[in-house]
Amino acid sequence: MFADVEFLETDEEIAGRLIRMIEWNISKLEKNVRVRVEDRWVTLTGHVGCHEDSEQAGQFAKIVKGCAGFTNHLVVAAAEKESPLQRVA
């Protein structure tokens, strides 16, 4: 009768739990990542520093209690690189 009790989390609780998991575990996370939850469905948007951060955030969304599914729209931000040719004067 109460088999789905674990899924009685509110969207706000799911979002808060996921944000804490991401902040705690991805140390170099860009600050413009957004977590939206609608009807227990998580959508991640914003920018991360590398592909691994995007994948890890998606993994957290898969395991957060109460989450029915997720969409990962995180974009890897291109790091500015120095030109290999530099003028020395």
N, C-alpha and C. Protein backbone atom coordinates (compact mmCIF):
# COMPACT_ATOMS: atom_id res chain seq x y z
N MET A 1 0.81 -1.20 0.00
CA MET A 1 0.00 0.00 0.00
C MET A 1 0.85 1.26 0.00
N PHE A 2 1.95 1.27 0.73
CA PHE A 2 2.81 2.45 0.80
C PHE A 2 4.14 2.22 0.09
N ALA A 3 4.14 1.45 -0.97
CA ALA A 3 5.37 1.11 -1.68
C ALA A 3 6.04 2.33 -2.30
N ASP A 4 5.27 3.36 -2.65
CA ASP A 4 5.83 4.55 -3.30
C ASP A 4 6.10 5.69 -2.33
N VAL A 5 6.21 5.41 -1.04
CA VAL A 5 6.43 6.45 -0.05
C VAL A 5 7.71 7.22 -0.36
N GLU A 6 8.75 6.55 -0.88
CA GLU A 6 10.00 7.23 -1.17
C GLU A 6 9.84 8.29 -2.26
N PHE A 7 8.77 8.22 -3.04
CA PHE A 7 8.56 9.18 -4.11
C PHE A 7 7.62 10.31 -3.72
N LEU A 8 7.32 10.44 -2.46
CA LEU A 8 6.42 11.50 -2.02
C LEU A 8 7.17 12.79 -1.70
N GLU A 9 8.35 12.95 -2.28
CA GLU A 9 9.13 14.16 -2.10
C GLU A 9 8.52 15.27 -2.96
N THR A 10 8.62 16.51 -2.48
CA THR A 10 8.15 17.63 -3.29
C THR A 10 9.24 18.01 -4.30
N ASP A 11 8.86 18.74 -5.33
CA ASP A 11 9.83 19.21 -6.30
C ASP A 11 10.92 20.04 -5.63
N GLU A 12 10.54 20.86 -4.65
CA GLU A 12 11.50 21.70 -3.95
C GLU A 12 12.50 20.86 -3.16
N GLU A 13 12.03 19.79 -2.53
CA GLU A 13 12.93 18.91 -1.79
C GLU A 13 13.91 18.20 -2.72
N ILE A 14 13.41 17.76 -3.86
CA ILE A 14 14.28 17.09 -4.83
C ILE A 14 15.34 18.06 -5.33
N ALA A 15 14.93 19.27 -5.68
CA ALA A 15 15.87 20.28 -6.18
C ALA A 15 16.92 20.61 -5.12
N GLY A 16 16.49 20.83 -3.90
CA GLY A 16 17.42 21.15 -2.83
C GLY A 16 18.42 20.04 -2.58
N ARG A 17 17.95 18.81 -2.56
CA ARG A 17 18.83 17.66 -2.34
C ARG A 17 19.85 17.55 -3.48
N LEU A 18 19.39 17.72 -4.71
CA LEU A 18 20.29 17.60 -5.86
C LEU A 18 21.33 18.73 -5.87
N ILE A 19 20.91 19.94 -5.56
CA ILE A 19 21.85 21.07 -5.51
C ILE A 19 22.93 20.80 -4.47
N ARG A 20 22.55 20.31 -3.30
CA ARG A 20 23.54 20.00 -2.26
C ARG A 20 24.50 18.91 -2.72
N MET A 21 23.99 17.88 -3.39
CA MET A 21 24.85 16.80 -3.88
C MET A 21 25.86 17.33 -4.90
N ILE A 22 25.40 18.17 -5.81
CA ILE A 22 26.28 18.72 -6.83
C ILE A 22 27.32 19.64 -6.20
N GLU A 23 26.89 20.55 -5.34
CA GLU A 23 27.83 21.49 -4.71
C GLU A 23 28.87 20.76 -3.87
N TRP A 24 28.47 19.72 -3.17
CA TRP A 24 29.36 19.00 -2.28
C TRP A 24 30.40 18.18 -3.07
N ASN A 25 30.01 17.65 -4.21
CA ASN A 25 30.85 16.68 -4.91
C ASN A 25 31.58 17.21 -6.14
N ILE A 26 31.18 18.33 -6.67
CA ILE A 26 31.86 18.89 -7.84
C ILE A 26 32.47 20.21 -7.41
N SER A 27 33.74 20.16 -7.04
CA SER A 27 34.38 21.31 -6.39
C SER A 27 34.61 22.50 -7.30
N LYS A 28 34.85 22.26 -8.59
CA LYS A 28 35.14 23.38 -9.50
C LYS A 28 33.94 23.74 -10.35
N LEU A 29 32.76 23.54 -9.81
CA LEU A 29 31.54 23.77 -10.56
C LEU A 29 31.34 25.26 -10.83
N GLU A 30 30.98 25.57 -12.05
CA GLU A 30 30.62 26.95 -12.39
C GLU A 30 29.38 27.34 -11.58
N LYS A 31 29.25 28.58 -11.25
CA LYS A 31 28.15 29.04 -10.41
C LYS A 31 26.85 29.27 -11.17
N ASN A 32 26.81 29.08 -12.47
CA ASN A 32 25.59 29.35 -13.21
C ASN A 32 24.85 28.07 -13.62
N VAL A 33 24.95 27.03 -12.82
CA VAL A 33 24.19 25.80 -13.06
C VAL A 33 22.83 25.95 -12.38
N ARG A 34 21.78 25.63 -13.12
CA ARG A 34 20.43 25.73 -12.57
C ARG A 34 19.77 24.35 -12.55
N VAL A 35 19.04 24.11 -11.47
CA VAL A 35 18.30 22.86 -11.32
C VAL A 35 16.82 23.21 -11.26
N ARG A 36 16.04 22.70 -12.21
CA ARG A 36 14.60 22.92 -12.20
C ARG A 36 13.93 21.55 -12.07
N VAL A 37 12.92 21.48 -11.20
CA VAL A 37 12.19 20.23 -11.01
C VAL A 37 10.71 20.51 -11.21
N GLU A 38 10.09 19.77 -12.11
CA GLU A 38 8.65 19.86 -12.38
C GLU A 38 8.08 18.47 -12.39
N ASP A 39 7.13 18.22 -11.52
CA ASP A 39 6.50 16.90 -11.42
C ASP A 39 7.55 15.80 -11.28
N ARG A 40 8.55 16.06 -10.43
CA ARG A 40 9.64 15.13 -10.11
C ARG A 40 10.61 14.92 -11.26
N TRP A 41 10.49 15.67 -12.36
CA TRP A 41 11.41 15.57 -13.49
C TRP A 41 12.43 16.69 -13.39
N VAL A 42 13.72 16.34 -13.35
CA VAL A 42 14.81 17.29 -13.16
C VAL A 42 15.34 17.75 -14.51
N THR A 43 15.57 19.06 -14.62
CA THR A 43 16.24 19.62 -15.80
C THR A 43 17.44 20.41 -15.31
N LEU A 44 18.63 20.05 -15.82
CA LEU A 44 19.86 20.74 -15.48
C LEU A 44 20.23 21.65 -16.64
N THR A 45 20.49 22.94 -16.36
CA THR A 45 20.92 23.88 -17.39
C THR A 45 22.07 24.71 -16.86
N GLY A 46 22.81 25.32 -17.76
CA GLY A 46 23.91 26.18 -17.36
C GLY A 46 25.22 25.67 -17.93
N HIS A 47 26.33 26.07 -17.29
CA HIS A 47 27.66 25.75 -17.78
C HIS A 47 28.49 25.07 -16.71
N VAL A 48 29.29 24.12 -17.13
CA VAL A 48 30.25 23.45 -16.25
C VAL A 48 31.63 23.54 -16.89
N GLY A 49 32.65 23.24 -16.09
CA GLY A 49 34.02 23.39 -16.57
C GLY A 49 34.51 22.29 -17.49
N CYS A 50 33.92 21.08 -17.37
CA CYS A 50 34.39 19.98 -18.21
C CYS A 50 33.27 18.94 -18.39
N HIS A 51 33.48 18.07 -19.36
CA HIS A 51 32.49 17.03 -19.66
C HIS A 51 32.24 16.13 -18.46
N GLU A 52 33.27 15.83 -17.69
CA GLU A 52 33.12 14.96 -16.52
C GLU A 52 32.17 15.56 -15.49
N ASP A 53 32.23 16.89 -15.31
CA ASP A 53 31.31 17.56 -14.38
C ASP A 53 29.87 17.41 -14.83
N SER A 54 29.64 17.53 -16.13
CA SER A 54 28.30 17.37 -16.68
C SER A 54 27.79 15.94 -16.44
N GLU A 55 28.64 14.97 -16.71
CA GLU A 55 28.27 13.58 -16.51
C GLU A 55 27.99 13.28 -15.04
N GLN A 56 28.83 13.81 -14.16
CA GLN A 56 28.66 13.55 -12.73
C GLN A 56 27.36 14.18 -12.22
N ALA A 57 27.04 15.38 -12.65
CA ALA A 57 25.78 16.02 -12.26
C ALA A 57 24.60 15.18 -12.72
N GLY A 58 24.69 14.65 -13.93
CA GLY A 58 23.64 13.77 -14.44
C GLY A 58 23.50 12.51 -13.62
N GLN A 59 24.61 11.95 -13.17
CA GLN A 59 24.57 10.76 -12.33
C GLN A 59 23.87 11.05 -11.00
N PHE A 60 24.12 12.21 -10.43
CA PHE A 60 23.45 12.58 -9.19
C PHE A 60 21.95 12.71 -9.41
N ALA A 61 21.55 13.27 -10.55
CA ALA A 61 20.13 13.41 -10.85
C ALA A 61 19.47 12.04 -10.93
N LYS A 62 20.18 11.05 -11.45
CA LYS A 62 19.63 9.70 -11.56
C LYS A 62 19.35 9.07 -10.20
N ILE A 63 20.18 9.40 -9.20
CA ILE A 63 20.05 8.71 -7.92
C ILE A 63 19.36 9.50 -6.82
N VAL A 64 19.07 10.78 -7.07
CA VAL A 64 18.46 11.57 -6.00
C VAL A 64 17.07 11.02 -5.69
N LYS A 65 16.78 10.88 -4.43
CA LYS A 65 15.51 10.31 -3.98
C LYS A 65 14.33 11.13 -4.49
N GLY A 66 13.38 10.45 -5.10
CA GLY A 66 12.17 11.10 -5.57
C GLY A 66 12.19 11.53 -7.02
N CYS A 67 13.35 11.50 -7.66
CA CYS A 67 13.48 11.94 -9.04
C CYS A 67 12.89 10.89 -9.98
N ALA A 68 11.99 11.32 -10.86
CA ALA A 68 11.37 10.40 -11.82
C ALA A 68 12.22 10.27 -13.08
N GLY A 69 13.02 11.28 -13.40
CA GLY A 69 13.87 11.28 -14.58
C GLY A 69 14.55 12.61 -14.69
N PHE A 70 15.43 12.74 -15.69
CA PHE A 70 16.14 14.02 -15.82
C PHE A 70 16.53 14.29 -17.27
N THR A 71 16.72 15.58 -17.52
CA THR A 71 17.24 16.05 -18.79
C THR A 71 18.47 16.88 -18.48
N ASN A 72 19.58 16.55 -19.13
CA ASN A 72 20.84 17.25 -18.87
C ASN A 72 21.14 18.18 -20.04
N HIS A 73 20.95 19.48 -19.81
CA HIS A 73 21.26 20.49 -20.82
C HIS A 73 22.49 21.30 -20.42
N LEU A 74 23.37 20.71 -19.60
CA LEU A 74 24.58 21.41 -19.19
C LEU A 74 25.53 21.52 -20.38
N VAL A 75 26.17 22.67 -20.49
CA VAL A 75 27.10 22.94 -21.57
C VAL A 75 28.49 23.10 -20.97
N VAL A 76 29.48 22.50 -21.62
CA VAL A 76 30.85 22.66 -21.16
C VAL A 76 31.36 24.00 -21.64
N ALA A 77 31.76 24.85 -20.69
CA ALA A 77 32.27 26.18 -21.02
C ALA A 77 33.68 26.05 -21.57
N ALA A 78 33.94 26.69 -22.69
CA ALA A 78 35.27 26.65 -23.29
C ALA A 78 36.22 27.50 -22.45
N ALA A 79 37.28 26.87 -22.01
CA ALA A 79 38.27 27.60 -21.22
C ALA A 79 39.12 28.45 -22.16
N GLU A 80 39.42 29.65 -21.70
CA GLU A 80 40.28 30.52 -22.51
C GLU A 80 41.69 29.96 -22.47
N LYS A 81 42.26 29.79 -23.63
CA LYS A 81 43.61 29.27 -23.71
C LYS A 81 44.53 30.36 -24.25
N GLU A 82 45.76 30.31 -23.76
CA GLU A 82 46.74 31.26 -24.27
C GLU A 82 47.20 30.81 -25.64
N SER A 83 47.51 31.75 -26.45
CA SER A 83 48.04 31.46 -27.78
C SER A 83 49.39 30.78 -27.63
N PRO A 84 49.67 29.75 -28.44
CA PRO A 84 50.98 29.10 -28.35
C PRO A 84 52.11 30.02 -28.82
N LEU A 85 51.78 31.05 -29.59
CA LEU A 85 52.77 32.01 -30.04
C LEU A 85 52.63 33.28 -29.22
N GLN A 86 53.72 33.68 -28.59
CA GLN A 86 53.69 34.89 -27.79
C GLN A 86 54.83 35.80 -28.20
N ARG A 87 54.57 37.09 -28.16
CA ARG A 87 55.62 38.05 -28.50
C ARG A 87 56.44 38.33 -27.24
N VAL A 88 57.73 38.24 -27.40
CA VAL A 88 58.64 38.59 -26.31
C VAL A 88 59.44 39.78 -26.77
N ALA A 89 59.29 40.90 -26.11
CA ALA A 89 60.00 42.10 -26.55
C ALA A 89 60.73 42.74 -25.42
